[in-house]
Amino acid sequence: MARKGASHGGKLGGDVYLVFAVFAAVGAATWVVDQPVRLTLMWLVLLVFTLLYASGQRIQFSYTLSDLARGGVAGLLASLPVVLLGGEFLIVTS
């Protein structure tokens, strides 16, 4: 997580919303493709963006308690609708 005043290095220019939009577009465009091919393409897109981002700055390896809490809340917000809407399906598939 970049701190205030820190530069968003790399060849991406720090525009993480553009990266997310491209990744979402690749996911939507490959919806009808076979699953192994689709997952391979999506992982390749993630790898390319990670390499482009990491080429301009060092990756942070130390996290504060607030960073972990923020990630936990984001994970909870993302997974709660899945559990509430597809709980029975998750139980059957597990």
C-alpha atoms as a PDB file:
ATOM      1  CA  MET A   1       0.000   0.000   0.000  1.00  0.00           C
ATOM      2  CA  ALA A   2       1.509   3.317  -0.977  1.00  0.00           C
ATOM      3  CA  ARG A   3       1.852   5.939   1.702  1.00  0.00           C
ATOM      4  CA  LYS A   4       0.970   9.614   1.279  1.00  0.00           C
ATOM      5  CA  GLY A   5       3.623  11.398  -0.677  1.00  0.00           C
ATOM      6  CA  ALA A   6       5.033   8.176  -2.083  1.00  0.00           C
ATOM      7  CA  SER A   7       5.374   7.975  -5.830  1.00  0.00           C
ATOM      8  CA  HIS A   8       3.419   5.400  -7.763  1.00  0.00           C
ATOM      9  CA  GLY A   9       6.320   4.078  -9.797  1.00  0.00           C
ATOM     10  CA  GLY A  10       6.420   1.675 -12.622  1.00  0.00           C
ATOM     11  CA  LYS A  11       5.394   2.017 -16.222  1.00  0.00           C
ATOM     12  CA  LEU A  12       1.723   2.075 -15.264  1.00  0.00           C
ATOM     13  CA  GLY A  13       1.889   5.590 -13.866  1.00  0.00           C
ATOM     14  CA  GLY A  14       0.103   4.558 -10.690  1.00  0.00           C
ATOM     15  CA  ASP A  15      -3.321   4.267 -12.303  1.00  0.00           C
ATOM     16  CA  VAL A  16      -4.567   1.167 -10.512  1.00  0.00           C
ATOM     17  CA  TYR A  17      -8.139   1.803 -11.635  1.00  0.00           C
ATOM     18  CA  LEU A  18      -7.075   1.447 -15.253  1.00  0.00           C
ATOM     19  CA  VAL A  19      -5.319  -1.817 -14.414  1.00  0.00           C
ATOM     20  CA  PHE A  20      -8.440  -3.107 -12.677  1.00  0.00           C
ATOM     21  CA  ALA A  21     -10.605  -2.058 -15.634  1.00  0.00           C
ATOM     22  CA  VAL A  22      -8.315  -3.890 -18.073  1.00  0.00           C
ATOM     23  CA  PHE A  23      -8.311  -7.009 -15.881  1.00  0.00           C
ATOM     24  CA  ALA A  24     -12.118  -6.904 -15.578  1.00  0.00           C
ATOM     25  CA  ALA A  25     -12.421  -6.428 -19.353  1.00  0.00           C
ATOM     26  CA  VAL A  26     -10.201  -9.457 -20.001  1.00  0.00           C
ATOM     27  CA  GLY A  27     -12.324 -11.458 -17.574  1.00  0.00           C
ATOM     28  CA  ALA A  28     -15.544 -10.390 -19.284  1.00  0.00           C
ATOM     29  CA  ALA A  29     -14.156 -10.898 -22.800  1.00  0.00           C
ATOM     30  CA  THR A  30     -13.011 -14.430 -22.032  1.00  0.00           C
ATOM     31  CA  TRP A  31     -16.238 -15.496 -20.319  1.00  0.00           C
ATOM     32  CA  VAL A  32     -17.188 -17.957 -23.083  1.00  0.00           C
ATOM     33  CA  VAL A  33     -13.692 -19.433 -23.459  1.00  0.00           C
ATOM     34  CA  ASP A  34     -12.866 -22.784 -21.846  1.00  0.00           C
ATOM     35  CA  GLN A  35     -11.989 -22.393 -18.177  1.00  0.00           C
ATOM     36  CA  PRO A  36      -8.300 -23.455 -18.334  1.00  0.00           C
ATOM     37  CA  VAL A  37      -7.632 -21.035 -21.200  1.00  0.00           C
ATOM     38  CA  ARG A  38      -9.527 -18.239 -19.462  1.00  0.00           C
ATOM     39  CA  LEU A  39      -7.691 -18.704 -16.183  1.00  0.00           C
ATOM     40  CA  THR A  40      -4.353 -18.830 -17.980  1.00  0.00           C
ATOM     41  CA  LEU A  41      -5.088 -15.553 -19.763  1.00  0.00           C
ATOM     42  CA  MET A  42      -6.218 -13.852 -16.575  1.00  0.00           C
ATOM     43  CA  TRP A  43      -3.141 -15.036 -14.645  1.00  0.00           C
ATOM     44  CA  LEU A  44      -0.918 -13.808 -17.473  1.00  0.00           C
ATOM     45  CA  VAL A  45      -2.557 -10.379 -17.333  1.00  0.00           C
ATOM     46  CA  LEU A  46      -1.973 -10.265 -13.577  1.00  0.00           C
ATOM     47  CA  LEU A  47       1.653 -11.315 -14.042  1.00  0.00           C
ATOM     48  CA  VAL A  48       2.296  -8.641 -16.664  1.00  0.00           C
ATOM     49  CA  PHE A  49       0.762  -5.900 -14.535  1.00  0.00           C
ATOM     50  CA  THR A  50       2.677  -7.064 -11.479  1.00  0.00           C
ATOM     51  CA  LEU A  51       5.963  -6.999 -13.365  1.00  0.00           C
ATOM     52  CA  LEU A  52       5.225  -3.557 -14.802  1.00  0.00           C
ATOM     53  CA  TYR A  53       4.298  -2.209 -11.388  1.00  0.00           C
ATOM     54  CA  ALA A  54       7.247  -3.762  -9.583  1.00  0.00           C
ATOM     55  CA  SER A  55       9.771  -2.545 -12.152  1.00  0.00           C
ATOM     56  CA  GLY A  56       9.472   1.026 -10.905  1.00  0.00           C
ATOM     57  CA  GLN A  57       9.485   0.584  -7.148  1.00  0.00           C
ATOM     58  CA  ARG A  58      10.247  -1.818  -4.384  1.00  0.00           C
ATOM     59  CA  ILE A  59       7.395  -3.981  -3.214  1.00  0.00           C
ATOM     60  CA  GLN A  60       6.420  -3.374   0.414  1.00  0.00           C
ATOM     61  CA  PHE A  61       6.821  -6.402   2.645  1.00  0.00           C
ATOM     62  CA  SER A  62       5.921  -4.885   6.003  1.00  0.00           C
ATOM     63  CA  TYR A  63       2.331  -4.177   6.890  1.00  0.00           C
ATOM     64  CA  THR A  64       0.787  -2.441   9.857  1.00  0.00           C
ATOM     65  CA  LEU A  65      -2.169  -3.682  11.850  1.00  0.00           C
ATOM     66  CA  SER A  66      -4.394  -1.119  10.140  1.00  0.00           C
ATOM     67  CA  ASP A  67      -3.341  -2.470   6.721  1.00  0.00           C
ATOM     68  CA  LEU A  68      -4.310  -5.993   7.770  1.00  0.00           C
ATOM     69  CA  ALA A  69      -7.609  -4.788   9.245  1.00  0.00           C
ATOM     70  CA  ARG A  70      -8.423  -2.876   6.061  1.00  0.00           C
ATOM     71  CA  GLY A  71      -7.715  -6.014   3.999  1.00  0.00           C
ATOM     72  CA  GLY A  72      -9.876  -8.115   6.318  1.00  0.00           C
ATOM     73  CA  VAL A  73     -12.788  -5.697   6.010  1.00  0.00           C
ATOM     74  CA  ALA A  74     -12.435  -5.622   2.213  1.00  0.00           C
ATOM     75  CA  GLY A  75     -12.376  -9.433   2.114  1.00  0.00           C
ATOM     76  CA  LEU A  76     -15.436  -9.596   4.335  1.00  0.00           C
ATOM     77  CA  LEU A  77     -17.325  -7.127   2.158  1.00  0.00           C
ATOM     78  CA  ALA A  78     -16.420  -9.096  -0.969  1.00  0.00           C
ATOM     79  CA  SER A  79     -17.258 -12.538   0.430  1.00  0.00           C
ATOM     80  CA  LEU A  80     -20.369 -11.753   2.476  1.00  0.00           C
ATOM     81  CA  PRO A  81     -22.736 -11.409  -0.535  1.00  0.00           C
ATOM     82  CA  VAL A  82     -21.364 -14.641  -1.997  1.00  0.00           C
ATOM     83  CA  VAL A  83     -22.031 -16.498   1.237  1.00  0.00           C
ATOM     84  CA  LEU A  84     -25.487 -14.968   1.695  1.00  0.00           C
ATOM     85  CA  LEU A  85     -26.651 -15.456  -1.891  1.00  0.00           C
ATOM     86  CA  GLY A  86     -24.958 -18.752  -2.669  1.00  0.00           C
ATOM     87  CA  GLY A  87     -24.639 -20.391   0.728  1.00  0.00           C
ATOM     88  CA  GLU A  88     -26.537 -23.542  -0.176  1.00  0.00           C
ATOM     89  CA  PHE A  89     -24.590 -23.947  -3.409  1.00  0.00           C
ATOM     90  CA  LEU A  90     -21.306 -23.572  -1.500  1.00  0.00           C
ATOM     91  CA  ILE A  91     -22.354 -26.238   0.973  1.00  0.00           C
ATOM     92  CA  VAL A  92     -23.324 -28.650  -1.816  1.00  0.00           C
ATOM     93  CA  THR A  93     -20.101 -28.110  -3.750  1.00  0.00           C
ATOM     94  CA  SER A  94     -17.873 -28.423  -0.706  1.00  0.00           C
END
